[in-house]
Amino acid sequence: MAVSAHRLRVALFGTPEFALPTLEALHAHHDVRLVVAQPDRPVGRGLRVEAPPVAHRAVELGLALAQPEKLRRDAAFQEALAALDLDVAVTAAYGQILPKALLAVPREGFLNVHASLLPRWRGAAPVQHALIAGDATTGVSIMQTEAGLDTGPVRLVRERAIAPDEDAPALLAALAELGAQALLEALALLALGRLPSTPQDDAAATLAPRLTREDGRIRWAEPARRVVDRHRGVAGWPGSWCTWADAVLKAHVLAEVDGAGAPGTVIGVDAEGVVVACGDRAVRLIEVQAAGKPRMGARAWANGARVTRGVRLA
């Protein structure tokens, strides 16, 4: 990993845990003049107002922090950013599209730490969509931010294989670390005037919109491998689910197994769980959660719900 001998004047725009390794790397190697995060929000069932991870860590590090509600037409914020005399600004899962006027404030503009191999998976959920699609490789792109959605030139790329059992939270954490390393390499090259800039092929672009609850619905008609891949992609949120007796049944742990039958049909109940046929092969539900119930082994749920061979899940 190349670390620049030049301490650049930088600002970081980031909000969730994904941006924390980038914050730590910048703090260790550069002059972080400002951290910008989304405002504090109510979280959890109690709706207690909490600072996002990046804002919380910035305070711990004693860094200047701003949490503007909206950046568009915020002239005062733009003036304050300009007064910092930044060499470059960095975004890492910030959560707002930056206005064009703001992008021109730092001397070298904004670099974005994006968790995909652009132009594949532009958008808010690249890691989740890569897993759902069954991609074998992914990586991090350090991109020059433009007004469009992840459309700017790619400045540096680092690839990484996806392990067969990796889910979205695990892969996000790994790419967060890789992104921080890649950013330091990019800043070292930027300081020397040697950071490449490669336009994206828009014709090859795929989109990765923010997930919805419906993305977690199990598609029994799909091959079992696709069902498992979707399960990995929606882990964390919204999670895999189907319906049984007109109520939601969450599937916390499942695995691909041999088997055949009409998609969604229970073709076996054994000590390891409940085997359900897919469009090709089958999956075994290992740990589930019925509405209003705690997580439990699928076999225990089947016994209590009187689920037997031939029952259909939707």
C-alpha atoms as a PDB file:
ATOM      1  CA  MET A   1       0.000   0.000   0.000  1.00  0.00           C
ATOM      2  CA  ALA A   2       1.485   3.306  -1.089  1.00  0.00           C
ATOM      3  CA  VAL A   3       1.172   6.135   1.439  1.00  0.00           C
ATOM      4  CA  SER A   4       1.769   9.663   0.261  1.00  0.00           C
ATOM      5  CA  ALA A   5       4.670  11.592   1.770  1.00  0.00           C
ATOM      6  CA  HIS A   6       2.578  14.692   1.097  1.00  0.00           C
ATOM      7  CA  ARG A   7      -0.054  15.475   3.726  1.00  0.00           C
ATOM      8  CA  LEU A   8      -2.997  16.674   1.700  1.00  0.00           C
ATOM      9  CA  ARG A   9      -5.682  18.983   3.052  1.00  0.00           C
ATOM     10  CA  VAL A  10      -8.836  16.878   2.826  1.00  0.00           C
ATOM     11  CA  ALA A  11     -12.484  16.719   3.855  1.00  0.00           C
ATOM     12  CA  LEU A  12     -14.399  13.488   4.235  1.00  0.00           C
ATOM     13  CA  PHE A  13     -18.087  13.145   3.390  1.00  0.00           C
ATOM     14  CA  GLY A  14     -19.305   9.831   4.854  1.00  0.00           C
ATOM     15  CA  THR A  15     -21.961   8.469   7.174  1.00  0.00           C
ATOM     16  CA  PRO A  16     -22.194   4.695   7.919  1.00  0.00           C
ATOM     17  CA  GLU A  17     -19.714   2.129   9.221  1.00  0.00           C
ATOM     18  CA  PHE A  18     -18.461   1.517   5.676  1.00  0.00           C
ATOM     19  CA  ALA A  19     -16.738   4.938   5.786  1.00  0.00           C
ATOM     20  CA  LEU A  20     -14.955   4.387   9.124  1.00  0.00           C
ATOM     21  CA  PRO A  21     -11.781   2.744   7.731  1.00  0.00           C
ATOM     22  CA  THR A  22     -11.507   5.621   5.246  1.00  0.00           C
ATOM     23  CA  LEU A  23     -11.830   8.139   8.068  1.00  0.00           C
ATOM     24  CA  GLU A  24      -9.141   6.356  10.096  1.00  0.00           C
ATOM     25  CA  ALA A  25      -6.779   6.185   7.103  1.00  0.00           C
ATOM     26  CA  LEU A  26      -7.206   9.865   6.275  1.00  0.00           C
ATOM     27  CA  HIS A  27      -6.765  10.868   9.906  1.00  0.00           C
ATOM     28  CA  ALA A  28      -3.518   8.870  10.133  1.00  0.00           C
ATOM     29  CA  HIS A  29      -1.920  10.114   6.916  1.00  0.00           C
ATOM     30  CA  HIS A  30      -3.477  13.443   5.907  1.00  0.00           C
ATOM     31  CA  ASP A  31      -4.764  16.744   7.266  1.00  0.00           C
ATOM     32  CA  VAL A  32      -8.510  16.176   7.763  1.00  0.00           C
ATOM     33  CA  ARG A  33      -9.950  19.667   7.962  1.00  0.00           C
ATOM     34  CA  LEU A  34     -13.619  18.676   8.064  1.00  0.00           C
ATOM     35  CA  VAL A  35     -15.825  15.608   8.366  1.00  0.00           C
ATOM     36  CA  VAL A  36     -19.319  15.854   6.893  1.00  0.00           C
ATOM     37  CA  ALA A  37     -21.979  13.284   7.824  1.00  0.00           C
ATOM     38  CA  GLN A  38     -25.732  12.957   7.645  1.00  0.00           C
ATOM     39  CA  PRO A  39     -27.659  14.459  10.596  1.00  0.00           C
ATOM     40  CA  ASP A  40     -28.417  12.444  13.728  1.00  0.00           C
ATOM     41  CA  ARG A  41     -31.526  10.276  13.219  1.00  0.00           C
ATOM     42  CA  PRO A  42     -33.943   8.252  15.382  1.00  0.00           C
ATOM     43  CA  VAL A  43     -32.941   4.577  15.322  1.00  0.00           C
ATOM     44  CA  GLY A  44     -34.268   1.303  16.703  1.00  0.00           C
ATOM     45  CA  ARG A  45     -37.624   0.501  18.209  1.00  0.00           C
ATOM     46  CA  GLY A  46     -37.230   3.206  20.832  1.00  0.00           C
ATOM     47  CA  LEU A  47     -36.458   5.780  18.121  1.00  0.00           C
ATOM     48  CA  ARG A  48     -33.622   7.186  20.185  1.00  0.00           C
ATOM     49  CA  VAL A  49     -31.734   9.898  18.292  1.00  0.00           C
ATOM     50  CA  GLU A  50     -28.168   8.766  17.585  1.00  0.00           C
ATOM     51  CA  ALA A  51     -25.228  10.149  15.656  1.00  0.00           C
ATOM     52  CA  PRO A  52     -24.199   8.103  12.598  1.00  0.00           C
ATOM     53  CA  PRO A  53     -20.950   6.110  12.993  1.00  0.00           C
ATOM     54  CA  VAL A  54     -18.748   8.591  11.115  1.00  0.00           C
ATOM     55  CA  ALA A  55     -20.040  11.574  13.094  1.00  0.00           C
ATOM     56  CA  HIS A  56     -19.520   9.718  16.374  1.00  0.00           C
ATOM     57  CA  ARG A  57     -15.941   8.766  15.478  1.00  0.00           C
ATOM     58  CA  ALA A  58     -15.102  12.266  14.208  1.00  0.00           C
ATOM     59  CA  VAL A  59     -16.029  13.698  17.610  1.00  0.00           C
ATOM     60  CA  GLU A  60     -13.869  11.075  19.345  1.00  0.00           C
ATOM     61  CA  LEU A  61     -10.923  12.068  17.135  1.00  0.00           C
ATOM     62  CA  GLY A  62     -11.466  15.774  17.826  1.00  0.00           C
ATOM     63  CA  LEU A  63     -12.125  16.588  14.167  1.00  0.00           C
ATOM     64  CA  ALA A  64     -14.320  19.417  12.916  1.00  0.00           C
ATOM     65  CA  LEU A  65     -17.765  18.029  12.084  1.00  0.00           C
ATOM     66  CA  ALA A  66     -20.681  19.297   9.995  1.00  0.00           C
ATOM     67  CA  GLN A  67     -24.042  17.575   9.555  1.00  0.00           C
ATOM     68  CA  PRO A  68     -26.069  19.678   7.107  1.00  0.00           C
ATOM     69  CA  GLU A  69     -29.608  18.538   6.358  1.00  0.00           C
ATOM     70  CA  LYS A  70     -29.361  19.466   2.682  1.00  0.00           C
ATOM     71  CA  LEU A  71     -26.388  20.583   0.629  1.00  0.00           C
ATOM     72  CA  ARG A  72     -28.240  21.958  -2.368  1.00  0.00           C
ATOM     73  CA  ARG A  73     -28.504  25.746  -2.285  1.00  0.00           C
ATOM     74  CA  ASP A  74     -26.534  25.864   0.978  1.00  0.00           C
ATOM     75  CA  ALA A  75     -24.314  28.814   0.085  1.00  0.00           C
ATOM     76  CA  ALA A  76     -23.015  29.199   3.632  1.00  0.00           C
ATOM     77  CA  PHE A  77     -21.739  25.621   3.703  1.00  0.00           C
ATOM     78  CA  GLN A  78     -20.085  26.013   0.318  1.00  0.00           C
ATOM     79  CA  GLU A  79     -18.319  29.173   1.490  1.00  0.00           C
ATOM     80  CA  ALA A  80     -17.154  27.423   4.660  1.00  0.00           C
ATOM     81  CA  LEU A  81     -15.777  24.520   2.607  1.00  0.00           C
ATOM     82  CA  ALA A  82     -13.971  26.904   0.265  1.00  0.00           C
ATOM     83  CA  ALA A  83     -12.343  28.628   3.237  1.00  0.00           C
ATOM     84  CA  LEU A  84     -10.638  25.340   4.190  1.00  0.00           C
ATOM     85  CA  ASP A  85      -8.382  25.551   1.105  1.00  0.00           C
ATOM     86  CA  LEU A  86      -8.789  21.821   0.389  1.00  0.00           C
ATOM     87  CA  ASP A  87      -6.554  19.874  -1.944  1.00  0.00           C
ATOM     88  CA  VAL A  88      -9.246  17.218  -2.365  1.00  0.00           C
ATOM     89  CA  ALA A  89     -12.448  15.934  -0.772  1.00  0.00           C
ATOM     90  CA  VAL A  90     -13.462  12.301  -0.373  1.00  0.00           C
ATOM     91  CA  THR A  91     -16.897  10.686  -0.291  1.00  0.00           C
ATOM     92  CA  ALA A  92     -17.584   7.229   1.127  1.00  0.00           C
ATOM     93  CA  ALA A  93     -21.256   6.255   1.365  1.00  0.00           C
ATOM     94  CA  TYR A  94     -22.224   9.794   2.319  1.00  0.00           C
ATOM     95  CA  GLY A  95     -25.891   9.471   1.385  1.00  0.00           C
ATOM     96  CA  GLN A  96     -26.546  12.634  -0.636  1.00  0.00           C
ATOM     97  CA  ILE A  97     -25.839  13.538  -4.245  1.00  0.00           C
ATOM     98  CA  LEU A  98     -23.504  16.524  -4.165  1.00  0.00           C
ATOM     99  CA  PRO A  99     -24.420  19.651  -6.153  1.00  0.00           C
ATOM    100  CA  LYS A 100     -22.184  20.496  -9.101  1.00  0.00           C
ATOM    101  CA  ALA A 101     -21.039  23.796  -7.598  1.00  0.00           C
ATOM    102  CA  LEU A 102     -19.782  22.037  -4.472  1.00  0.00           C
ATOM    103  CA  LEU A 103     -17.792  19.490  -6.480  1.00  0.00           C
ATOM    104  CA  ALA A 104     -15.655  22.306  -7.900  1.00  0.00           C
ATOM    105  CA  VAL A 105     -14.577  23.694  -4.507  1.00  0.00           C
ATOM    106  CA  PRO A 106     -11.560  21.453  -3.666  1.00  0.00           C
ATOM    107  CA  ARG A 107      -8.527  21.930  -5.900  1.00  0.00           C
ATOM    108  CA  GLU A 108      -8.700  18.321  -7.163  1.00  0.00           C
ATOM    109  CA  GLY A 109     -12.461  17.914  -6.786  1.00  0.00           C
ATOM    110  CA  PHE A 110     -14.002  14.916  -5.005  1.00  0.00           C
ATOM    111  CA  LEU A 111     -12.867  11.290  -5.040  1.00  0.00           C
ATOM    112  CA  ASN A 112     -15.461   8.642  -4.210  1.00  0.00           C
ATOM    113  CA  VAL A 113     -14.742   5.274  -2.568  1.00  0.00           C
ATOM    114  CA  HIS A 114     -17.244   3.003  -4.341  1.00  0.00           C
ATOM    115  CA  ALA A 115     -17.667  -0.696  -3.472  1.00  0.00           C
ATOM    116  CA  SER A 116     -17.855  -2.186  -6.960  1.00  0.00           C
ATOM    117  CA  LEU A 117     -15.921  -2.534 -10.197  1.00  0.00           C
ATOM    118  CA  LEU A 118     -17.445   0.390 -12.035  1.00  0.00           C
ATOM    119  CA  PRO A 119     -19.344   0.681 -14.313  1.00  0.00           C
ATOM    120  CA  ARG A 120     -20.859  -2.492 -12.844  1.00  0.00           C
ATOM    121  CA  TRP A 121     -23.227  -1.728  -9.983  1.00  0.00           C
ATOM    122  CA  ARG A 122     -23.664   2.008  -9.912  1.00  0.00           C
ATOM    123  CA  GLY A 123     -25.892   3.098  -7.043  1.00  0.00           C
ATOM    124  CA  ALA A 124     -26.577   2.801  -3.336  1.00  0.00           C
ATOM    125  CA  ALA A 125     -26.319  -0.988  -2.851  1.00  0.00           C
ATOM    126  CA  PRO A 126     -23.485  -2.337  -5.042  1.00  0.00           C
ATOM    127  CA  VAL A 127     -22.349  -5.031  -2.607  1.00  0.00           C
ATOM    128  CA  GLN A 128     -25.839  -6.431  -2.125  1.00  0.00           C
ATOM    129  CA  HIS A 129     -26.577  -6.536  -5.855  1.00  0.00           C
ATOM    130  CA  ALA A 130     -23.235  -8.171  -6.656  1.00  0.00           C
ATOM    131  CA  LEU A 131     -24.099 -10.999  -4.260  1.00  0.00           C
ATOM    132  CA  ILE A 132     -27.686 -11.339  -5.481  1.00  0.00           C
ATOM    133  CA  ALA A 133     -26.394 -11.617  -9.049  1.00  0.00           C
ATOM    134  CA  GLY A 134     -23.909 -14.311  -8.042  1.00  0.00           C
ATOM    135  CA  ASP A 135     -20.804 -12.330  -9.050  1.00  0.00           C
ATOM    136  CA  ALA A 136     -17.541 -14.163  -8.385  1.00  0.00           C
ATOM    137  CA  THR A 137     -15.417 -11.017  -8.132  1.00  0.00           C
ATOM    138  CA  THR A 138     -15.925  -7.481  -6.919  1.00  0.00           C
ATOM    139  CA  GLY A 139     -13.685  -4.729  -5.659  1.00  0.00           C
ATOM    140  CA  VAL A 140     -13.356  -1.028  -5.022  1.00  0.00           C
ATOM    141  CA  SER A 141     -13.280   1.832  -7.506  1.00  0.00           C
ATOM    142  CA  ILE A 142     -11.816   5.208  -6.595  1.00  0.00           C
ATOM    143  CA  MET A 143     -13.867   7.450  -8.846  1.00  0.00           C
ATOM    144  CA  GLN A 144     -13.841  11.144  -9.669  1.00  0.00           C
ATOM    145  CA  THR A 145     -17.237  12.351  -8.492  1.00  0.00           C
ATOM    146  CA  GLU A 146     -19.482  14.058 -11.038  1.00  0.00           C
ATOM    147  CA  ALA A 147     -23.055  15.281 -10.812  1.00  0.00           C
ATOM    148  CA  GLY A 148     -24.370  11.960 -12.210  1.00  0.00           C
ATOM    149  CA  LEU A 149     -24.912   8.721 -10.295  1.00  0.00           C
ATOM    150  CA  ASP A 150     -21.453   7.107 -10.072  1.00  0.00           C
ATOM    151  CA  THR A 151     -20.691   8.113 -13.658  1.00  0.00           C
ATOM    152  CA  GLY A 152     -17.333   9.857 -13.232  1.00  0.00           C
ATOM    153  CA  PRO A 153     -13.958   8.674 -14.493  1.00  0.00           C
ATOM    154  CA  VAL A 154     -12.358   5.808 -12.581  1.00  0.00           C
ATOM    155  CA  ARG A 155      -9.002   6.782 -11.060  1.00  0.00           C
ATOM    156  CA  LEU A 156      -7.922   3.496  -9.413  1.00  0.00           C
ATOM    157  CA  VAL A 157      -9.369  -0.036  -9.078  1.00  0.00           C
ATOM    158  CA  ARG A 158      -8.617  -2.889  -6.710  1.00  0.00           C
ATOM    159  CA  GLU A 159     -10.281  -6.270  -7.333  1.00  0.00           C
ATOM    160  CA  ARG A 160     -11.191  -8.981  -4.853  1.00  0.00           C
ATOM    161  CA  ALA A 161     -12.710 -12.470  -5.122  1.00  0.00           C
ATOM    162  CA  ILE A 162     -16.035 -13.098  -3.376  1.00  0.00           C
ATOM    163  CA  ALA A 163     -15.963 -16.160  -1.124  1.00  0.00           C
ATOM    164  CA  PRO A 164     -18.876 -18.580  -1.704  1.00  0.00           C
ATOM    165  CA  ASP A 165     -20.150 -18.156   1.853  1.00  0.00           C
ATOM    166  CA  GLU A 166     -19.694 -14.365   2.203  1.00  0.00           C
ATOM    167  CA  ASP A 167     -22.824 -12.343   2.901  1.00  0.00           C
ATOM    168  CA  ALA A 168     -23.468  -8.611   2.558  1.00  0.00           C
ATOM    169  CA  PRO A 169     -22.313  -7.488   6.043  1.00  0.00           C
ATOM    170  CA  ALA A 170     -19.064  -9.470   5.786  1.00  0.00           C
ATOM    171  CA  LEU A 171     -18.301  -8.316   2.255  1.00  0.00           C
ATOM    172  CA  LEU A 172     -19.135  -4.692   3.085  1.00  0.00           C
ATOM    173  CA  ALA A 173     -16.668  -4.789   5.977  1.00  0.00           C
ATOM    174  CA  ALA A 174     -13.945  -6.292   3.791  1.00  0.00           C
ATOM    175  CA  LEU A 175     -14.483  -3.760   1.001  1.00  0.00           C
ATOM    176  CA  ALA A 176     -14.482  -0.900   3.501  1.00  0.00           C
ATOM    177  CA  GLU A 177     -10.925  -1.864   4.483  1.00  0.00           C
ATOM    178  CA  LEU A 178      -9.876  -2.393   0.866  1.00  0.00           C
ATOM    179  CA  GLY A 179     -11.391   0.975  -0.048  1.00  0.00           C
ATOM    180  CA  ALA A 180      -9.388   2.792   2.608  1.00  0.00           C
ATOM    181  CA  GLN A 181      -6.157   1.192   1.327  1.00  0.00           C
ATOM    182  CA  ALA A 182      -7.038   1.995  -2.288  1.00  0.00           C
ATOM    183  CA  LEU A 183      -7.808   5.605  -1.387  1.00  0.00           C
ATOM    184  CA  LEU A 184      -4.389   6.101   0.223  1.00  0.00           C
ATOM    185  CA  GLU A 185      -2.772   4.706  -2.930  1.00  0.00           C
ATOM    186  CA  ALA A 186      -4.864   7.060  -5.058  1.00  0.00           C
ATOM    187  CA  LEU A 187      -3.978  10.097  -2.933  1.00  0.00           C
ATOM    188  CA  ALA A 188      -0.267   9.235  -3.121  1.00  0.00           C
ATOM    189  CA  LEU A 189      -0.480   9.176  -6.920  1.00  0.00           C
ATOM    190  CA  LEU A 190      -2.627  12.318  -6.932  1.00  0.00           C
ATOM    191  CA  ALA A 191       0.001  14.215  -4.955  1.00  0.00           C
ATOM    192  CA  LEU A 192       2.590  13.242  -7.584  1.00  0.00           C
ATOM    193  CA  GLY A 193       0.311  14.162 -10.498  1.00  0.00           C
ATOM    194  CA  ARG A 194       0.293  10.522 -11.626  1.00  0.00           C
ATOM    195  CA  LEU A 195      -3.224   9.334 -10.803  1.00  0.00           C
ATOM    196  CA  PRO A 196      -4.818   7.890 -13.976  1.00  0.00           C
ATOM    197  CA  SER A 197      -8.305   8.830 -15.152  1.00  0.00           C
ATOM    198  CA  THR A 198     -10.303   6.356 -17.240  1.00  0.00           C
ATOM    199  CA  PRO A 199     -13.796   7.208 -18.546  1.00  0.00           C
ATOM    200  CA  GLN A 200     -16.471   4.638 -17.768  1.00  0.00           C
ATOM    201  CA  ASP A 201     -18.199   2.628 -20.500  1.00  0.00           C
ATOM    202  CA  ASP A 202     -21.800   3.730 -19.980  1.00  0.00           C
ATOM    203  CA  ALA A 203     -23.053   0.918 -22.243  1.00  0.00           C
ATOM    204  CA  ALA A 204     -21.705  -1.640 -19.765  1.00  0.00           C
ATOM    205  CA  ALA A 205     -23.254  -0.018 -16.706  1.00  0.00           C
ATOM    206  CA  THR A 206     -25.584  -1.891 -14.360  1.00  0.00           C
ATOM    207  CA  LEU A 207     -27.606  -0.298 -11.582  1.00  0.00           C
ATOM    208  CA  ALA A 208     -27.684  -1.143  -7.880  1.00  0.00           C
ATOM    209  CA  PRO A 209     -30.625   0.742  -6.357  1.00  0.00           C
ATOM    210  CA  ARG A 210     -31.271   0.800  -2.626  1.00  0.00           C
ATOM    211  CA  LEU A 211     -32.889  -2.455  -1.472  1.00  0.00           C
ATOM    212  CA  THR A 212     -36.558  -2.638  -0.560  1.00  0.00           C
ATOM    213  CA  ARG A 213     -38.323  -5.112   1.708  1.00  0.00           C
ATOM    214  CA  GLU A 214     -39.589  -6.971  -1.377  1.00  0.00           C
ATOM    215  CA  ASP A 215     -35.993  -7.745  -2.401  1.00  0.00           C
ATOM    216  CA  GLY A 216     -35.882 -10.161   0.530  1.00  0.00           C
ATOM    217  CA  ARG A 217     -38.788 -12.296  -0.693  1.00  0.00           C
ATOM    218  CA  ILE A 218     -37.616 -15.803  -1.579  1.00  0.00           C
ATOM    219  CA  ARG A 219     -38.274 -16.611  -5.244  1.00  0.00           C
ATOM    220  CA  TRP A 220     -38.916 -20.347  -5.048  1.00  0.00           C
ATOM    221  CA  ALA A 221     -39.172 -20.653  -8.842  1.00  0.00           C
ATOM    222  CA  GLU A 222     -35.520 -19.625  -9.184  1.00  0.00           C
ATOM    223  CA  PRO A 223     -32.690 -22.193  -9.019  1.00  0.00           C
ATOM    224  CA  ALA A 224     -31.539 -22.974  -5.493  1.00  0.00           C
ATOM    225  CA  ARG A 225     -28.178 -21.311  -6.168  1.00  0.00           C
ATOM    226  CA  ARG A 226     -29.960 -18.026  -6.956  1.00  0.00           C
ATOM    227  CA  VAL A 227     -32.074 -18.351  -3.810  1.00  0.00           C
ATOM    228  CA  VAL A 228     -28.900 -18.736  -1.733  1.00  0.00           C
ATOM    229  CA  ASP A 229     -27.193 -15.839  -3.526  1.00  0.00           C
ATOM    230  CA  ARG A 230     -30.162 -13.580  -2.823  1.00  0.00           C
ATOM    231  CA  HIS A 231     -30.104 -14.695   0.807  1.00  0.00           C
ATOM    232  CA  ARG A 232     -26.449 -13.635   1.045  1.00  0.00           C
ATOM    233  CA  GLY A 233     -27.203 -10.300  -0.609  1.00  0.00           C
ATOM    234  CA  VAL A 234     -30.114  -9.329   1.635  1.00  0.00           C
ATOM    235  CA  ALA A 235     -28.444 -10.457   4.883  1.00  0.00           C
ATOM    236  CA  GLY A 236     -28.519  -7.635   7.382  1.00  0.00           C
ATOM    237  CA  TRP A 237     -31.522  -5.994   5.698  1.00  0.00           C
ATOM    238  CA  PRO A 238     -34.185  -6.795   4.645  1.00  0.00           C
ATOM    239  CA  GLY A 239     -33.332 -10.472   5.208  1.00  0.00           C
ATOM    240  CA  SER A 240     -34.863 -13.483   3.448  1.00  0.00           C
ATOM    241  CA  TRP A 241     -38.534 -14.214   3.964  1.00  0.00           C
ATOM    242  CA  CYS A 242     -41.506 -16.062   2.529  1.00  0.00           C
ATOM    243  CA  THR A 243     -45.079 -16.569   3.665  1.00  0.00           C
ATOM    244  CA  TRP A 244     -46.755 -19.456   5.430  1.00  0.00           C
ATOM    245  CA  ALA A 245     -50.444 -19.453   6.413  1.00  0.00           C
ATOM    246  CA  ASP A 246     -50.723 -15.822   5.248  1.00  0.00           C
ATOM    247  CA  ALA A 247     -47.986 -14.696   7.651  1.00  0.00           C
ATOM    248  CA  VAL A 248     -44.337 -13.811   7.126  1.00  0.00           C
ATOM    249  CA  LEU A 249     -41.758 -16.487   7.846  1.00  0.00           C
ATOM    250  CA  LYS A 250     -38.191 -15.163   8.065  1.00  0.00           C
ATOM    251  CA  ALA A 251     -35.400 -17.462   6.938  1.00  0.00           C
ATOM    252  CA  HIS A 252     -32.262 -16.658   8.926  1.00  0.00           C
ATOM    253  CA  VAL A 253     -30.140 -19.647   7.856  1.00  0.00           C
ATOM    254  CA  LEU A 254     -30.564 -21.752   4.713  1.00  0.00           C
ATOM    255  CA  ALA A 255     -28.417 -23.842   2.393  1.00  0.00           C
ATOM    256  CA  GLU A 256     -28.565 -25.375  -1.079  1.00  0.00           C
ATOM    257  CA  VAL A 257     -29.230 -29.133  -1.135  1.00  0.00           C
ATOM    258  CA  ASP A 258     -30.281 -31.870  -3.541  1.00  0.00           C
ATOM    259  CA  GLY A 259     -33.983 -32.329  -4.173  1.00  0.00           C
ATOM    260  CA  ALA A 260     -36.758 -31.823  -6.692  1.00  0.00           C
ATOM    261  CA  GLY A 261     -40.409 -30.917  -6.691  1.00  0.00           C
ATOM    262  CA  ALA A 262     -42.850 -28.116  -7.434  1.00  0.00           C
ATOM    263  CA  PRO A 263     -41.187 -24.801  -6.447  1.00  0.00           C
ATOM    264  CA  GLY A 264     -42.114 -23.794  -2.891  1.00  0.00           C
ATOM    265  CA  THR A 265     -43.196 -27.292  -1.891  1.00  0.00           C
ATOM    266  CA  VAL A 266     -41.832 -28.883   1.284  1.00  0.00           C
ATOM    267  CA  ILE A 267     -40.202 -32.120   0.140  1.00  0.00           C
ATOM    268  CA  GLY A 268     -38.714 -33.165   3.437  1.00  0.00           C
ATOM    269  CA  VAL A 269     -38.547 -32.466   7.169  1.00  0.00           C
ATOM    270  CA  ASP A 270     -35.578 -33.923   9.039  1.00  0.00           C
ATOM    271  CA  ALA A 271     -33.357 -33.268  12.025  1.00  0.00           C
ATOM    272  CA  GLU A 272     -31.420 -30.591  10.097  1.00  0.00           C
ATOM    273  CA  GLY A 273     -34.442 -28.581   8.974  1.00  0.00           C
ATOM    274  CA  VAL A 274     -37.076 -28.220   6.285  1.00  0.00           C
ATOM    275  CA  VAL A 275     -36.222 -28.943   2.650  1.00  0.00           C
ATOM    276  CA  VAL A 276     -38.115 -26.842   0.089  1.00  0.00           C
ATOM    277  CA  ALA A 277     -38.015 -27.390  -3.685  1.00  0.00           C
ATOM    278  CA  CYS A 278     -36.831 -24.602  -5.966  1.00  0.00           C
ATOM    279  CA  GLY A 279     -36.878 -24.176  -9.729  1.00  0.00           C
ATOM    280  CA  ASP A 280     -33.759 -26.340  -9.770  1.00  0.00           C
ATOM    281  CA  ARG A 281     -32.624 -28.422  -6.774  1.00  0.00           C
ATOM    282  CA  ALA A 282     -33.761 -27.298  -3.297  1.00  0.00           C
ATOM    283  CA  VAL A 283     -32.840 -25.373  -0.171  1.00  0.00           C
ATOM    284  CA  ARG A 284     -32.907 -26.488   3.433  1.00  0.00           C
ATOM    285  CA  LEU A 285     -34.353 -23.962   5.877  1.00  0.00           C
ATOM    286  CA  ILE A 286     -32.174 -24.359   8.971  1.00  0.00           C
ATOM    287  CA  GLU A 287     -33.174 -21.472  11.219  1.00  0.00           C
ATOM    288  CA  VAL A 288     -36.406 -19.496  10.864  1.00  0.00           C
ATOM    289  CA  GLN A 289     -38.601 -17.023  12.680  1.00  0.00           C
ATOM    290  CA  ALA A 290     -42.392 -17.014  12.484  1.00  0.00           C
ATOM    291  CA  ALA A 291     -44.386 -13.827  13.091  1.00  0.00           C
ATOM    292  CA  GLY A 292     -44.372 -12.929  16.780  1.00  0.00           C
ATOM    293  CA  LYS A 293     -41.995 -15.772  17.649  1.00  0.00           C
ATOM    294  CA  PRO A 294     -38.270 -15.959  18.469  1.00  0.00           C
ATOM    295  CA  ARG A 295     -35.689 -17.441  16.111  1.00  0.00           C
ATOM    296  CA  MET A 296     -35.672 -21.215  16.228  1.00  0.00           C
ATOM    297  CA  GLY A 297     -34.537 -24.297  14.376  1.00  0.00           C
ATOM    298  CA  ALA A 298     -36.644 -24.959  11.294  1.00  0.00           C
ATOM    299  CA  ARG A 299     -37.402 -28.503  12.481  1.00  0.00           C
ATOM    300  CA  ALA A 300     -38.847 -27.148  15.756  1.00  0.00           C
ATOM    301  CA  TRP A 301     -40.919 -24.618  13.824  1.00  0.00           C
ATOM    302  CA  ALA A 302     -42.225 -27.318  11.472  1.00  0.00           C
ATOM    303  CA  ASN A 303     -43.231 -29.514  14.402  1.00  0.00           C
ATOM    304  CA  GLY A 304     -45.122 -26.690  16.079  1.00  0.00           C
ATOM    305  CA  ALA A 305     -46.752 -25.445  12.880  1.00  0.00           C
ATOM    306  CA  ARG A 306     -47.531 -28.988  11.699  1.00  0.00           C
ATOM    307  CA  VAL A 307     -45.638 -28.471   8.483  1.00  0.00           C
ATOM    308  CA  THR A 308     -45.144 -31.753   6.625  1.00  0.00           C
ATOM    309  CA  ARG A 309     -44.137 -33.005   3.202  1.00  0.00           C
ATOM    310  CA  GLY A 310     -46.351 -31.531   0.457  1.00  0.00           C
ATOM    311  CA  VAL A 311     -47.065 -28.210   2.186  1.00  0.00           C
ATOM    312  CA  ARG A 312     -46.509 -25.115   0.017  1.00  0.00           C
ATOM    313  CA  LEU A 313     -44.653 -21.975   1.036  1.00  0.00           C
ATOM    314  CA  ALA A 314     -45.227 -18.783  -0.914  1.00  0.00           C
END
